[in-house]
Protein backbone atom coordinates (compact mmCIF):
# COMPACT_ATOMS: atom_id res chain seq x y z
CA ARG A 1 -46.76 -31.68 -1.60
CA GLU A 2 -47.90 -29.14 1.09
CA TRP A 3 -51.01 -31.33 1.40
CA GLN A 4 -48.57 -34.44 2.56
CA MET A 5 -47.02 -32.85 5.07
CA TYR A 6 -50.39 -30.49 6.82
CA CYS A 7 -51.84 -34.66 7.25
CA ALA A 8 -48.38 -35.86 7.75
CA PHE A 9 -47.51 -33.43 10.90
CA GLN A 10 -51.71 -32.91 11.83
CA THR A 11 -52.26 -37.25 11.94
CA ALA A 12 -48.71 -36.83 14.25
CA MET A 13 -49.94 -34.43 16.77
CA TRP A 14 -54.03 -36.29 16.98
CA ILE A 15 -52.21 -39.47 17.14
CA HIS A 16 -48.88 -39.07 19.71
CA LYS A 17 -49.94 -35.35 20.79
CA PRO A 18 -46.63 -34.13 22.08
CA ASP A 19 -45.76 -31.27 24.68
CA ALA A 20 -42.62 -30.03 22.44
CA VAL A 21 -41.87 -30.01 18.94
CA ALA A 22 -38.39 -29.68 17.23
CA PHE A 23 -37.88 -28.12 13.32
CA LEU A 24 -34.89 -28.68 12.73
CA GLY A 25 -34.08 -25.90 10.66
CA ASP A 26 -34.82 -25.14 6.40
CA ILE A 27 -38.21 -24.31 7.75
CA PHE A 28 -38.75 -21.85 4.07
CA ASP A 29 -37.37 -22.52 0.13
CA GLU A 30 -35.50 -19.03 0.17
CA GLY A 31 -35.99 -17.44 2.79
CA HIS A 32 -32.83 -15.67 2.69
CA PHE A 33 -34.19 -14.06 -0.81
CA SER A 34 -37.53 -12.28 0.71
CA ASP A 35 -38.09 -9.70 1.40
CA ASP A 36 -39.09 -8.89 4.69
CA LEU A 37 -43.90 -9.27 3.42
CA GLU A 38 -42.23 -11.52 1.99
CA PHE A 39 -41.07 -13.70 4.80
CA LYS A 40 -43.93 -12.40 7.61
CA ARG A 41 -46.60 -14.39 4.31
CA TYR A 42 -43.69 -17.69 4.31
CA MET A 43 -44.51 -17.02 8.07
CA ASP A 44 -47.69 -17.85 8.29
CA ARG A 45 -48.20 -20.45 5.98
CA PHE A 46 -45.68 -21.77 8.20
CA TYR A 47 -48.19 -21.05 11.16
CA ASP A 48 -51.28 -22.74 9.25
CA LEU A 49 -48.99 -25.72 8.26
CA PHE A 50 -47.50 -27.11 11.07
CA TYR A 51 -50.02 -25.52 13.25
CA VAL A 52 -49.77 -26.35 16.96
CA PRO A 53 -52.62 -26.78 19.87
CA LYS A 54 -52.32 -24.27 22.56
CA GLY A 55 -49.21 -25.71 25.26
CA THR A 56 -46.88 -27.60 23.74
CA TYR A 57 -43.77 -26.01 23.02
CA VAL A 58 -42.46 -25.57 19.41
CA LEU A 59 -38.27 -25.57 19.24
CA VAL A 60 -37.23 -24.49 16.34
CA ALA A 61 -33.31 -24.17 14.85
CA VAL A 62 -32.02 -22.01 12.16
CA GLY A 63 -31.54 -23.25 8.21
CA ASN A 64 -28.83 -22.54 5.52
CA HIS A 65 -32.53 -21.82 3.43
CA ASP A 66 -34.28 -19.89 6.32
CA VAL A 67 -31.16 -17.28 6.63
CA GLY A 68 -28.93 -17.97 4.36
CA PHE A 69 -24.69 -19.98 4.30
CA HIS A 70 -22.19 -18.60 6.21
CA TYR A 71 -21.30 -16.19 3.09
CA ARG A 72 -24.45 -14.50 2.61
CA MET A 73 -25.75 -14.47 6.22
CA LEU A 74 -27.19 -10.76 6.61
CA ARG A 75 -28.14 -9.69 10.45
CA HIS A 76 -30.94 -8.81 9.71
CA PHE A 77 -32.02 -11.97 7.85
CA THR A 78 -31.46 -13.84 11.19
CA ASP A 79 -32.97 -11.00 13.86
CA ARG A 80 -36.54 -11.59 11.91
CA PHE A 81 -36.66 -14.91 11.80
CA GLU A 82 -35.24 -15.23 15.37
CA SER A 83 -37.86 -12.74 16.55
CA GLY A 84 -40.31 -14.72 13.91
CA PHE A 85 -39.95 -17.62 16.25
CA ASN A 86 -37.90 -16.82 19.44
CA THR A 87 -35.52 -18.18 19.11
CA SER A 88 -31.10 -16.89 19.20
CA SER A 89 -28.02 -18.09 17.82
CA VAL A 90 -26.71 -20.47 20.43
CA GLN A 91 -30.12 -20.31 22.46
CA MET A 92 -31.09 -22.89 26.10
CA THR A 93 -34.24 -24.24 27.20
CA VAL A 94 -35.87 -25.94 29.64
CA LEU A 95 -38.81 -27.87 29.24
CA LYS A 96 -39.90 -30.59 32.75
CA GLY A 97 -36.09 -30.52 33.52
CA ASN A 98 -34.32 -32.09 30.10
CA ILE A 99 -32.55 -28.89 28.37
CA PHE A 100 -32.43 -28.14 24.53
CA VAL A 101 -30.12 -25.95 23.49
CA THR A 102 -30.50 -24.63 19.92
CA ILE A 103 -27.10 -23.30 17.92
CA ASN A 104 -27.25 -21.71 14.52
CA SER A 105 -24.66 -23.89 12.25
CA MET A 106 -24.14 -21.22 9.92
CA ALA A 107 -22.66 -19.38 12.50
CA MET A 108 -20.33 -21.83 14.14
CA HIS A 109 -17.42 -21.12 11.14
CA GLY A 110 -15.45 -19.58 13.88
CA ASP A 111 -14.29 -16.72 11.16
CA GLY A 112 -14.28 -14.15 13.63
CA CYS A 113 -17.78 -12.24 11.69
CA SER A 114 -19.82 -10.38 13.90
CA LEU A 115 -22.15 -13.12 13.87
CA CYS A 116 -19.90 -15.93 14.89
CA GLU A 117 -18.62 -13.46 17.33
CA GLU A 118 -22.59 -13.41 19.35
CA ALA A 119 -22.34 -17.24 18.80
CA GLU A 120 -19.61 -18.17 20.56
CA TYR A 121 -20.06 -16.03 23.06
CA ARG A 122 -23.58 -17.62 24.10
CA LEU A 123 -21.57 -20.83 23.41
CA ASP A 124 -19.41 -19.88 26.03
CA HIS A 125 -21.96 -18.28 28.88
CA LEU A 126 -23.56 -21.63 28.04
CA ARG A 127 -21.01 -23.47 29.14
CA THR A 128 -20.49 -21.94 32.15
CA VAL A 129 -24.56 -22.23 32.73
CA LEU A 130 -24.26 -25.61 32.74
CA GLN A 131 -20.74 -25.36 34.80
CA CYS A 132 -22.76 -23.57 37.45
CA SER A 133 -26.25 -26.42 37.03
CA GLN A 134 -23.86 -29.38 37.93
CA ASP A 135 -21.22 -28.15 40.61
CA GLN A 136 -22.17 -24.59 41.92
CA GLY A 137 -20.39 -25.26 44.67
CA ARG A 138 -16.66 -25.62 43.23
CA MET A 139 -17.51 -23.02 40.73
CA ALA A 140 -19.31 -20.14 43.65
CA HIS A 141 -16.61 -17.40 42.74
CA GLN A 142 -18.26 -17.46 38.59
CA CYS A 143 -21.63 -18.41 39.35
CA THR A 144 -22.61 -15.88 41.57
CA ASN A 145 -24.30 -14.02 39.24
CA MET A 146 -26.03 -16.33 37.26
CA GLY A 147 -29.60 -16.63 39.18
CA ASN A 148 -32.35 -19.36 38.70
CA LEU A 149 -29.71 -23.00 37.51
CA PRO A 150 -32.15 -25.58 36.61
CA ALA A 151 -30.85 -28.47 37.95
CA TYR A 152 -28.43 -29.89 35.57
CA SER A 153 -29.21 -33.00 33.02
CA ARG A 154 -27.06 -33.34 30.03
CA PRO A 155 -28.52 -31.56 27.37
CA ILE A 156 -30.21 -32.60 23.60
CA LEU A 157 -28.35 -31.25 20.91
CA LEU A 158 -30.70 -29.86 17.81
CA GLN A 159 -28.99 -28.23 15.09
CA HIS A 160 -29.41 -28.06 11.09
CA PHE A 161 -25.97 -29.20 9.83
CA PRO A 162 -25.18 -32.83 11.33
CA LEU A 163 -21.77 -32.43 14.06
CA TYR A 164 -18.47 -33.62 11.07
CA ARG A 165 -18.38 -37.34 9.27
CA ALA A 166 -16.39 -37.23 5.98
CA SER A 167 -20.05 -38.97 4.47
CA ASP A 168 -23.20 -40.77 4.58
CA ASP A 169 -21.38 -44.04 3.48
CA ALA A 170 -22.23 -45.15 7.78
CA CYS A 171 -25.34 -44.42 7.74
CA THR A 172 -27.53 -47.87 6.72
CA GLU A 173 -31.23 -46.19 7.93
CA PRO A 174 -34.04 -46.86 5.49
CA ASP A 175 -34.87 -43.73 4.95
CA ALA A 176 -30.54 -43.06 3.90
CA ALA A 177 -28.96 -42.17 1.36
CA PRO A 178 -29.62 -43.58 -1.97
CA PRO A 179 -26.00 -45.47 -2.58
CA SER A 180 -24.56 -43.26 -5.15
CA LEU A 181 -24.80 -40.65 -2.54
CA LYS A 182 -23.49 -41.85 0.01
CA HIS A 183 -19.76 -42.21 -0.21
CA GLU A 184 -20.36 -38.15 -1.77
CA LYS A 185 -17.36 -36.55 0.56
CA PHE A 186 -18.62 -34.08 3.04
CA ARG A 187 -17.61 -30.82 3.06
CA GLU A 188 -17.11 -28.53 6.18
CA LYS A 189 -18.82 -25.78 6.89
CA TRP A 190 -21.62 -27.04 4.12
CA GLU A 191 -22.99 -30.28 4.19
CA CYS A 192 -21.77 -30.22 8.60
CA LEU A 193 -19.94 -28.09 10.97
CA SER A 194 -15.92 -27.61 10.74
CA LYS A 195 -14.11 -30.18 12.93
CA LEU A 196 -12.86 -27.61 14.94
CA ALA A 197 -16.12 -26.42 15.37
CA THR A 198 -18.04 -30.25 15.90
CA ARG A 199 -15.37 -30.19 18.54
CA LYS A 200 -16.09 -27.08 20.48
CA VAL A 201 -19.25 -27.51 20.27
CA LEU A 202 -19.24 -31.26 21.85
CA GLN A 203 -16.38 -29.78 24.62
CA LYS A 204 -19.23 -27.05 25.98
CA VAL A 205 -22.12 -28.17 26.02
CA LYS A 206 -21.55 -31.90 26.17
CA PRO A 207 -24.88 -33.61 25.02
CA ARG A 208 -26.26 -36.76 25.02
CA VAL A 209 -27.51 -37.18 22.33
CA VAL A 210 -27.34 -34.60 18.14
CA PHE A 211 -30.38 -34.15 16.42
CA SER A 212 -29.75 -32.39 12.61
CA GLY A 213 -31.23 -32.13 9.69
CA HIS A 214 -29.80 -31.05 6.04
CA THR A 215 -28.80 -33.13 4.35
CA HIS A 216 -32.56 -34.47 3.25
CA HIS A 217 -31.54 -38.16 4.33
CA GLY A 218 -31.50 -39.90 7.65
CA CYS A 219 -28.28 -41.23 8.99
CA LEU A 220 -27.25 -42.35 12.87
CA ILE A 221 -23.47 -42.13 13.89
CA THR A 222 -21.84 -42.12 17.03
CA HIS A 223 -19.60 -39.45 17.78
CA LYS A 224 -16.90 -39.36 20.82
CA ASP A 225 -18.11 -40.36 24.51
CA ASP A 226 -20.77 -42.67 22.82
CA ILE A 227 -22.42 -40.03 22.25
CA PRO A 228 -25.47 -40.57 19.20
CA GLU A 229 -27.06 -38.08 16.42
CA TRP A 230 -29.93 -39.36 14.64
CA THR A 231 -29.40 -37.00 10.73
CA LEU A 232 -33.06 -36.75 9.95
CA PRO A 233 -34.26 -36.45 6.32
CA SER A 234 -36.63 -33.75 5.34
CA PHE A 235 -40.48 -33.85 5.81
CA SER A 236 -41.52 -33.75 2.37
CA TRP A 237 -41.72 -35.47 -0.53
CA ARG A 238 -40.57 -32.89 -3.02
CA ASN A 239 -36.61 -34.24 -1.52
CA LYS A 240 -37.37 -37.14 -0.07
CA ASN A 241 -39.21 -40.33 -1.87
CA ASN A 242 -39.71 -41.24 1.96
CA PRO A 243 -40.07 -39.57 4.32
CA SER A 244 -40.27 -39.75 7.82
CA PHE A 245 -40.06 -37.99 12.09
CA ALA A 246 -38.33 -38.89 15.18
CA LEU A 247 -40.46 -39.80 18.34
CA ALA A 248 -38.78 -39.56 21.30
CA SER A 249 -39.01 -39.52 25.10
CA PHE A 250 -36.69 -38.12 27.99
CA THR A 251 -36.26 -38.04 30.78
CA PRO A 252 -33.63 -36.08 33.14
CA THR A 253 -31.45 -39.17 33.70
CA ASN A 254 -32.91 -42.01 30.27
CA PHE A 255 -34.04 -41.29 26.57
CA SER A 256 -35.57 -43.23 24.03
CA VAL A 257 -35.57 -42.56 19.94
CA CYS A 258 -37.41 -44.06 17.97
CA LYS A 259 -38.24 -43.57 13.48
CA CYS A 260 -41.40 -42.71 12.02
CA TYR A 261 -41.89 -43.20 8.74
CA MET A 262 -44.19 -42.00 6.50
CA PRO A 263 -46.24 -43.34 2.74
CA GLN A 264 -43.83 -43.38 0.54
CA GLU A 265 -45.09 -41.16 -2.35
CA SER A 266 -44.20 -43.95 -5.52
CA THR A 267 -46.56 -46.12 -2.87
CA VAL A 268 -49.47 -42.95 -2.88
CA ILE A 269 -49.60 -42.52 -6.96
CA THR A 270 -48.64 -46.14 -7.61
CA THR A 271 -52.10 -46.55 -5.32
CA TYR A 272 -54.15 -43.48 -7.24
CA VAL A 273 -53.15 -44.89 -10.52
CA GLN A 274 -54.71 -48.14 -9.64
CA GLY A 275 -57.04 -47.27 -8.01
CA THR A 276 -58.02 -45.05 -11.23
CA ALA A 277 -57.67 -47.92 -13.22
CA VAL A 278 -59.85 -50.02 -11.57
CA CYS A 279 -62.46 -47.32 -11.18
CA LEU A 280 -62.16 -47.25 -15.09
CA VAL A 281 -61.92 -50.83 -15.79
CA GLY A 282 -64.65 -51.31 -14.01
CA TRP A 283 -67.18 -48.21 -15.11
CA TRP A 284 -66.58 -49.45 -18.40
CA ALA A 285 -68.08 -52.77 -17.42
CA LEU A 286 -70.76 -51.86 -16.04
CA SER A 287 -71.89 -49.87 -19.66
CA ARG A 288 -71.55 -53.18 -21.38
CA TYR A 289 -73.82 -54.67 -18.50
CA LEU A 290 -76.22 -52.21 -19.47
CA ASP A 291 -76.34 -51.56 -22.85
CA ARG A 292 -76.81 -55.21 -23.21
CA TYR A 293 -79.46 -54.62 -20.06
CA ARG A 294 -81.19 -52.43 -23.07
CA SER A 295 -81.72 -54.24 -26.05
CA ARG A 296 -83.03 -57.91 -24.55
C-alpha cells in the first residue's frame, strides 16, 4: 500500500505540476509512540514516498497520529514535528498573494494547557495581522510593529480535524462514509473541533474555504457565511477502498476545487485476479496444443 501511495502521488505530481502540496495531518501511523530515532526514520520514509521537486512548496498540518490527541500531546512531540516540517500550532504562509493558515487541531481545546494557550496567542496575533493587512489605516495604533504586511485576501484554512458538525449524515460525495457510519454522532474534540473552537476559528481567521481530514471519508459541507469545507479522505488503501485527493486553484479573489479519484483497491485486486486467471488458462491451452502437436 506504500507502493500505491508512492505511485499515485508521484503520478499526480508529474501530471499536474502543482506550485504547492498540502498534507492535512496523520503523516505517520504512530508518531506519538516513536522515540526520536524512529521519528527520524518516519520522516525520511515520508520524504521518500512523497518527494516533491525543488520549488514546490509543502504545507503540513499536524494530526493526532503525529503528536497524539490532546490528552497525550507532549511539548517534545509537537516541537520535533514542527521542527521537521517547518510549521507551528498556528501558521500563516503567503503564496502568490494567497494566504494559507495551518492550525494544530489538538491545541484548540481551550482548556488552558500550555500548548493550547500558545495556540490561542498565535491565533489572536494572526487575527491582528489579518485585520492590519485588510485595513491598516483604521488599525494604525495596533499595526505599528507589524513589519511588512501581506496584501489581504481571505485565508485558506488547513487543519486535521473538521470544523464542528454533528455527523457525516449530510455528506454526499462519492467517497463519503458508508451508510452504516454516516449517522454516527461526532464527539467534539475527537472526531471534529468543538462548537466553541469552531466559532473562534471562523471568527478570527474568516476563511474563504476550509480543508480538513481525520475522518478517512470525503465530505463537502457549507458553514455559516457560505464557507465551504472539503473533508478529504485517506490517501491510502489501508483506510479507504476508494481514496482521492483535491486539486485546487487559487487567486487572491477566487478559487476552484475538484476531486481526483484514484483506482479502487478492489478494482486493482480484481484486475490482478482476472489477469492471473487468463494467463493460467492461456498457459493450459498452449500446453494442450503443444502436447497434441508433438503427438502427431
